[in-house]
Amino acid sequence: MVKNDINRIRVVLAEKGITNKWLAQNLKKNPTTVSRWCSNDMQPSLETLIKIAEKLAVDVKDLINSTIKK
């Protein structure tokens, strides 16, 4: 089965110089959960995705890969 990179959380964290650990602490989530989001092994809920966007000061759209192929 091919794994799709649905979210861009890892990319945005890297662009902002923020660690998974920082995000986990600020969201009160287990660091393993955040790591699984970053590797696209698991996806956060929409509500959590909005909280991530708020913590990272980005538009929620910046955390999701486009479905439109160019």
PDB file of N, CA and C in Angstrom:
ATOM      1  N   MET A   1       0.843  -1.182   0.000  1.00  0.00           N
ATOM      2  CA  MET A   1       0.000   0.000   0.000  1.00  0.00           C
ATOM      3  C   MET A   1       0.890   1.248   0.000  1.00  0.00           C
ATOM      4  N   VAL A   2       0.582   2.188  -0.856  1.00  0.00           N
ATOM      5  CA  VAL A   2       1.345   3.426  -0.968  1.00  0.00           C
ATOM      6  C   VAL A   2       0.838   4.422   0.075  1.00  0.00           C
ATOM      7  N   LYS A   3       1.790   4.979   0.810  1.00  0.00           N
ATOM      8  CA  LYS A   3       1.421   5.968   1.829  1.00  0.00           C
ATOM      9  C   LYS A   3       1.357   7.339   1.177  1.00  0.00           C
ATOM     10  N   ASN A   4       0.236   8.015   1.346  1.00  0.00           N
ATOM     11  CA  ASN A   4       0.076   9.371   0.822  1.00  0.00           C
ATOM     12  C   ASN A   4       0.506  10.383   1.877  1.00  0.00           C
ATOM     13  N   ASP A   5       1.256  11.374   1.446  1.00  0.00           N
ATOM     14  CA  ASP A   5       1.608  12.469   2.343  1.00  0.00           C
ATOM     15  C   ASP A   5       0.451  13.457   2.324  1.00  0.00           C
ATOM     16  N   ILE A   6      -0.442  13.297   3.279  1.00  0.00           N
ATOM     17  CA  ILE A   6      -1.642  14.130   3.338  1.00  0.00           C
ATOM     18  C   ILE A   6      -1.344  15.476   3.968  1.00  0.00           C
ATOM     19  N   ASN A   7      -0.585  15.455   5.064  1.00  0.00           N
ATOM     20  CA  ASN A   7      -0.322  16.726   5.742  1.00  0.00           C
ATOM     21  C   ASN A   7       1.117  17.179   5.553  1.00  0.00           C
ATOM     22  N   ARG A   8       1.348  18.451   5.846  1.00  0.00           N
ATOM     23  CA  ARG A   8       2.662  19.092   5.722  1.00  0.00           C
ATOM     24  C   ARG A   8       3.173  19.560   7.082  1.00  0.00           C
ATOM     25  N   ILE A   9       2.723  18.933   8.145  1.00  0.00           N
ATOM     26  CA  ILE A   9       3.101  19.393   9.482  1.00  0.00           C
ATOM     27  C   ILE A   9       4.610  19.389   9.645  1.00  0.00           C
ATOM     28  N   ARG A  10       5.276  18.323   9.241  1.00  0.00           N
ATOM     29  CA  ARG A  10       6.738  18.236   9.368  1.00  0.00           C
ATOM     30  C   ARG A  10       7.431  19.379   8.629  1.00  0.00           C
ATOM     31  N   VAL A  11       6.954  19.670   7.422  1.00  0.00           N
ATOM     32  CA  VAL A  11       7.553  20.726   6.597  1.00  0.00           C
ATOM     33  C   VAL A  11       7.400  22.090   7.279  1.00  0.00           C
ATOM     34  N   VAL A  12       6.199  22.372   7.762  1.00  0.00           N
ATOM     35  CA  VAL A  12       5.943  23.667   8.410  1.00  0.00           C
ATOM     36  C   VAL A  12       6.756  23.798   9.694  1.00  0.00           C
ATOM     37  N   LEU A  13       6.855  22.724  10.469  1.00  0.00           N
ATOM     38  CA  LEU A  13       7.684  22.766  11.681  1.00  0.00           C
ATOM     39  C   LEU A  13       9.133  23.093  11.316  1.00  0.00           C
ATOM     40  N   ALA A  14       9.648  22.449  10.278  1.00  0.00           N
ATOM     41  CA  ALA A  14      11.037  22.693   9.849  1.00  0.00           C
ATOM     42  C   ALA A  14      11.224  24.132   9.376  1.00  0.00           C
ATOM     43  N   GLU A  15      10.257  24.634   8.600  1.00  0.00           N
ATOM     44  CA  GLU A  15      10.346  26.017   8.107  1.00  0.00           C
ATOM     45  C   GLU A  15      10.381  27.015   9.258  1.00  0.00           C
ATOM     46  N   LYS A  16       9.673  26.705  10.335  1.00  0.00           N
ATOM     47  CA  LYS A  16       9.593  27.616  11.477  1.00  0.00           C
ATOM     48  C   LYS A  16      10.646  27.319  12.543  1.00  0.00           C
ATOM     49  N   GLY A  17      11.416  26.258  12.351  1.00  0.00           N
ATOM     50  CA  GLY A  17      12.454  25.900  13.320  1.00  0.00           C
ATOM     51  C   GLY A  17      11.873  25.417  14.644  1.00  0.00           C
ATOM     52  N   ILE A  18      10.735  24.733  14.577  1.00  0.00           N
ATOM     53  CA  ILE A  18      10.038  24.254  15.771  1.00  0.00           C
ATOM     54  C   ILE A  18      10.122  22.727  15.805  1.00  0.00           C
ATOM     55  N   THR A  19      10.262  22.178  16.991  1.00  0.00           N
ATOM     56  CA  THR A  19      10.379  20.733  17.130  1.00  0.00           C
ATOM     57  C   THR A  19       9.025  20.067  17.361  1.00  0.00           C
ATOM     58  N   ASN A  20       8.995  18.765  17.093  1.00  0.00           N
ATOM     59  CA  ASN A  20       7.806  17.957  17.387  1.00  0.00           C
ATOM     60  C   ASN A  20       7.496  18.031  18.883  1.00  0.00           C
ATOM     61  N   LYS A  21       8.553  17.995  19.682  1.00  0.00           N
ATOM     62  CA  LYS A  21       8.391  18.012  21.138  1.00  0.00           C
ATOM     63  C   LYS A  21       7.686  19.297  21.586  1.00  0.00           C
ATOM     64  N   TRP A  22       8.083  20.425  21.027  1.00  0.00           N
ATOM     65  CA  TRP A  22       7.450  21.704  21.370  1.00  0.00           C
ATOM     66  C   TRP A  22       5.969  21.653  21.030  1.00  0.00           C
ATOM     67  N   LEU A  23       5.655  21.150  19.829  1.00  0.00           N
ATOM     68  CA  LEU A  23       4.258  21.073  19.407  1.00  0.00           C
ATOM     69  C   LEU A  23       3.467  20.148  20.331  1.00  0.00           C
ATOM     70  N   ALA A  24       4.040  19.019  20.669  1.00  0.00           N
ATOM     71  CA  ALA A  24       3.367  18.072  21.566  1.00  0.00           C
ATOM     72  C   ALA A  24       3.075  18.724  22.918  1.00  0.00           C
ATOM     73  N   GLN A  25       4.043  19.424  23.466  1.00  0.00           N
ATOM     74  CA  GLN A  25       3.860  20.081  24.763  1.00  0.00           C
ATOM     75  C   GLN A  25       2.769  21.148  24.681  1.00  0.00           C
ATOM     76  N   ASN A  26       2.768  21.922  23.614  1.00  0.00           N
ATOM     77  CA  ASN A  26       1.799  23.015  23.479  1.00  0.00           C
ATOM     78  C   ASN A  26       0.386  22.536  23.182  1.00  0.00           C
ATOM     79  N   LEU A  27       0.268  21.351  22.617  1.00  0.00           N
ATOM     80  CA  LEU A  27      -1.053  20.791  22.339  1.00  0.00           C
ATOM     81  C   LEU A  27      -1.487  19.813  23.430  1.00  0.00           C
ATOM     82  N   LYS A  28      -0.572  19.568  24.399  1.00  0.00           N
ATOM     83  CA  LYS A  28      -0.822  18.578  25.453  1.00  0.00           C
ATOM     84  C   LYS A  28      -1.121  17.206  24.837  1.00  0.00           C
ATOM     85  N   LYS A  29      -0.269  16.827  23.882  1.00  0.00           N
ATOM     86  CA  LYS A  29      -0.379  15.540  23.204  1.00  0.00           C
ATOM     87  C   LYS A  29       0.885  14.733  23.450  1.00  0.00           C
ATOM     88  N   ASN A  30       0.775  13.441  23.291  1.00  0.00           N
ATOM     89  CA  ASN A  30       1.927  12.560  23.419  1.00  0.00           C
ATOM     90  C   ASN A  30       2.887  12.836  22.253  1.00  0.00           C
ATOM     91  N   PRO A  31       4.192  12.934  22.531  1.00  0.00           N
ATOM     92  CA  PRO A  31       5.156  13.175  21.448  1.00  0.00           C
ATOM     93  C   PRO A  31       5.109  12.109  20.352  1.00  0.00           C
ATOM     94  N   THR A  32       4.768  10.882  20.709  1.00  0.00           N
ATOM     95  CA  THR A  32       4.658   9.819  19.709  1.00  0.00           C
ATOM     96  C   THR A  32       3.521  10.110  18.739  1.00  0.00           C
ATOM     97  N   THR A  33       2.433  10.652  19.244  1.00  0.00           N
ATOM     98  CA  THR A  33       1.298  11.013  18.387  1.00  0.00           C
ATOM     99  C   THR A  33       1.719  12.078  17.383  1.00  0.00           C
ATOM    100  N   VAL A  34       2.386  13.107  17.853  1.00  0.00           N
ATOM    101  CA  VAL A  34       2.842  14.186  16.964  1.00  0.00           C
ATOM    102  C   VAL A  34       3.831  13.637  15.933  1.00  0.00           C
ATOM    103  N   SER A  35       4.707  12.746  16.362  1.00  0.00           N
ATOM    104  CA  SER A  35       5.656  12.130  15.438  1.00  0.00           C
ATOM    105  C   SER A  35       4.936  11.345  14.342  1.00  0.00           C
ATOM    106  N   ARG A  36       3.874  10.653  14.705  1.00  0.00           N
ATOM    107  CA  ARG A  36       3.096   9.890  13.721  1.00  0.00           C
ATOM    108  C   ARG A  36       2.368  10.811  12.754  1.00  0.00           C
ATOM    109  N   TRP A  37       1.932  11.989  13.238  1.00  0.00           N
ATOM    110  CA  TRP A  37       1.338  12.977  12.335  1.00  0.00           C
ATOM    111  C   TRP A  37       2.386  13.462  11.349  1.00  0.00           C
ATOM    112  N   CYS A  38       3.574  13.764  11.863  1.00  0.00           N
ATOM    113  CA  CYS A  38       4.641  14.319  11.023  1.00  0.00           C
ATOM    114  C   CYS A  38       5.113  13.327   9.960  1.00  0.00           C
ATOM    115  N   SER A  39       5.045  12.053  10.273  1.00  0.00           N
ATOM    116  CA  SER A  39       5.458  11.037   9.297  1.00  0.00           C
ATOM    117  C   SER A  39       4.291  10.567   8.433  1.00  0.00           C
ATOM    118  N   ASN A  40       3.126  11.144   8.638  1.00  0.00           N
ATOM    119  CA  ASN A  40       1.910  10.805   7.900  1.00  0.00           C
ATOM    120  C   ASN A  40       1.479   9.355   8.116  1.00  0.00           C
ATOM    121  N   ASP A  41       1.898   8.760   9.232  1.00  0.00           N
ATOM    122  CA  ASP A  41       1.420   7.427   9.600  1.00  0.00           C
ATOM    123  C   ASP A  41       0.001   7.509  10.148  1.00  0.00           C
ATOM    124  N   MET A  42      -0.353   8.699  10.635  1.00  0.00           N
ATOM    125  CA  MET A  42      -1.651   8.947  11.250  1.00  0.00           C
ATOM    126  C   MET A  42      -1.991  10.411  10.978  1.00  0.00           C
ATOM    127  N   GLN A  43      -3.287  10.746  10.959  1.00  0.00           N
ATOM    128  CA  GLN A  43      -3.683  12.126  10.698  1.00  0.00           C
ATOM    129  C   GLN A  43      -4.415  12.706  11.898  1.00  0.00           C
ATOM    130  N   PRO A  44      -4.153  13.982  12.206  1.00  0.00           N
ATOM    131  CA  PRO A  44      -4.906  14.626  13.284  1.00  0.00           C
ATOM    132  C   PRO A  44      -6.343  14.899  12.840  1.00  0.00           C
ATOM    133  N   SER A  45      -7.232  15.046  13.808  1.00  0.00           N
ATOM    134  CA  SER A  45      -8.609  15.427  13.486  1.00  0.00           C
ATOM    135  C   SER A  45      -8.607  16.849  12.928  1.00  0.00           C
ATOM    136  N   LEU A  46      -9.702  17.236  12.317  1.00  0.00           N
ATOM    137  CA  LEU A  46      -9.806  18.600  11.789  1.00  0.00           C
ATOM    138  C   LEU A  46      -9.690  19.626  12.913  1.00  0.00           C
ATOM    139  N   GLU A  47     -10.303  19.330  14.048  1.00  0.00           N
ATOM    140  CA  GLU A  47     -10.229  20.250  15.193  1.00  0.00           C
ATOM    141  C   GLU A  47      -8.777  20.414  15.656  1.00  0.00           C
ATOM    142  N   THR A  48      -8.056  19.308  15.694  1.00  0.00           N
ATOM    143  CA  THR A  48      -6.649  19.366  16.101  1.00  0.00           C
ATOM    144  C   THR A  48      -5.814  20.080  15.055  1.00  0.00           C
ATOM    145  N   LEU A  49      -6.114  19.863  13.793  1.00  0.00           N
ATOM    146  CA  LEU A  49      -5.381  20.536  12.720  1.00  0.00           C
ATOM    147  C   LEU A  49      -5.526  22.050  12.843  1.00  0.00           C
ATOM    148  N   ILE A  50      -6.715  22.503  13.206  1.00  0.00           N
ATOM    149  CA  ILE A  50      -6.941  23.937  13.417  1.00  0.00           C
ATOM    150  C   ILE A  50      -6.118  24.435  14.598  1.00  0.00           C
ATOM    151  N   LYS A  51      -6.052  23.656  15.671  1.00  0.00           N
ATOM    152  CA  LYS A  51      -5.231  24.045  16.830  1.00  0.00           C
ATOM    153  C   LYS A  51      -3.756  24.098  16.461  1.00  0.00           C
ATOM    154  N   ILE A  52      -3.302  23.155  15.645  1.00  0.00           N
ATOM    155  CA  ILE A  52      -1.903  23.157  15.189  1.00  0.00           C
ATOM    156  C   ILE A  52      -1.633  24.426  14.393  1.00  0.00           C
ATOM    157  N   ALA A  53      -2.532  24.773  13.480  1.00  0.00           N
ATOM    158  CA  ALA A  53      -2.372  25.984  12.669  1.00  0.00           C
ATOM    159  C   ALA A  53      -2.283  27.219  13.560  1.00  0.00           C
ATOM    160  N   GLU A  54      -3.110  27.278  14.585  1.00  0.00           N
ATOM    161  CA  GLU A  54      -3.079  28.417  15.515  1.00  0.00           C
ATOM    162  C   GLU A  54      -1.745  28.482  16.242  1.00  0.00           C
ATOM    163  N   LYS A  55      -1.267  27.351  16.743  1.00  0.00           N
ATOM    164  CA  LYS A  55       0.016  27.319  17.471  1.00  0.00           C
ATOM    165  C   LYS A  55       1.184  27.720  16.574  1.00  0.00           C
ATOM    166  N   LEU A  56       1.101  27.333  15.295  1.00  0.00           N
ATOM    167  CA  LEU A  56       2.197  27.626  14.368  1.00  0.00           C
ATOM    168  C   LEU A  56       2.006  28.944  13.621  1.00  0.00           C
ATOM    169  N   ALA A  57       0.884  29.611  13.871  1.00  0.00           N
ATOM    170  CA  ALA A  57       0.565  30.894  13.225  1.00  0.00           C
ATOM    171  C   ALA A  57       0.593  30.784  11.706  1.00  0.00           C
ATOM    172  N   VAL A  58      -0.103  29.757  11.206  1.00  0.00           N
ATOM    173  CA  VAL A  58      -0.236  29.577   9.761  1.00  0.00           C
ATOM    174  C   VAL A  58      -1.703  29.321   9.444  1.00  0.00           C
ATOM    175  N   ASP A  59      -2.042  29.459   8.168  1.00  0.00           N
ATOM    176  CA  ASP A  59      -3.381  29.103   7.707  1.00  0.00           C
ATOM    177  C   ASP A  59      -3.473  27.580   7.710  1.00  0.00           C
ATOM    178  N   VAL A  60      -4.596  27.053   8.112  1.00  0.00           N
ATOM    179  CA  VAL A  60      -4.769  25.602   8.160  1.00  0.00           C
ATOM    180  C   VAL A  60      -4.499  24.971   6.789  1.00  0.00           C
ATOM    181  N   LYS A  61      -4.757  25.699   5.711  1.00  0.00           N
ATOM    182  CA  LYS A  61      -4.486  25.187   4.357  1.00  0.00           C
ATOM    183  C   LYS A  61      -2.998  24.907   4.140  1.00  0.00           C
ATOM    184  N   ASP A  62      -2.137  25.608   4.876  1.00  0.00           N
ATOM    185  CA  ASP A  62      -0.708  25.407   4.743  1.00  0.00           C
ATOM    186  C   ASP A  62      -0.254  24.067   5.327  1.00  0.00           C
ATOM    187  N   LEU A  63      -1.121  23.434   6.095  1.00  0.00           N
ATOM    188  CA  LEU A  63      -0.776  22.167   6.738  1.00  0.00           C
ATOM    189  C   LEU A  63      -1.227  20.948   5.951  1.00  0.00           C
ATOM    190  N   ILE A  64      -1.891  21.179   4.813  1.00  0.00           N
ATOM    191  CA  ILE A  64      -2.431  20.073   4.013  1.00  0.00           C
ATOM    192  C   ILE A  64      -1.895  20.162   2.588  1.00  0.00           C
ATOM    193  N   ASN A  65      -1.471  19.030   2.060  1.00  0.00           N
ATOM    194  CA  ASN A  65      -1.029  18.979   0.661  1.00  0.00           C
ATOM    195  C   ASN A  65      -2.232  19.087  -0.261  1.00  0.00           C
ATOM    196  N   SER A  66      -2.038  19.760  -1.376  1.00  0.00           N
ATOM    197  CA  SER A  66      -3.107  19.920  -2.357  1.00  0.00           C
ATOM    198  C   SER A  66      -3.437  18.572  -2.997  1.00  0.00           C
ATOM    199  N   THR A  67      -4.689  18.389  -3.344  1.00  0.00           N
ATOM    200  CA  THR A  67      -5.108  17.178  -4.042  1.00  0.00           C
ATOM    201  C   THR A  67      -5.101  17.375  -5.553  1.00  0.00           C
ATOM    202  N   ILE A  68      -4.851  18.601  -5.989  1.00  0.00           N
ATOM    203  CA  ILE A  68      -4.823  18.911  -7.412  1.00  0.00           C
ATOM    204  C   ILE A  68      -3.426  18.646  -7.947  1.00  0.00           C
ATOM    205  N   LYS A  69      -3.356  17.774  -8.928  1.00  0.00           N
ATOM    206  CA  LYS A  69      -2.070  17.435  -9.568  1.00  0.00           C
ATOM    207  C   LYS A  69      -1.756  18.467 -10.642  1.00  0.00           C
ATOM    208  N   LYS A  70      -0.536  18.959 -10.598  1.00  0.00           N
ATOM    209  CA  LYS A  70      -0.133  19.974 -11.595  1.00  0.00           C
ATOM    210  C   LYS A  70       0.662  19.344 -12.705  1.00  0.00           C
TER     211      LYS A  70
END
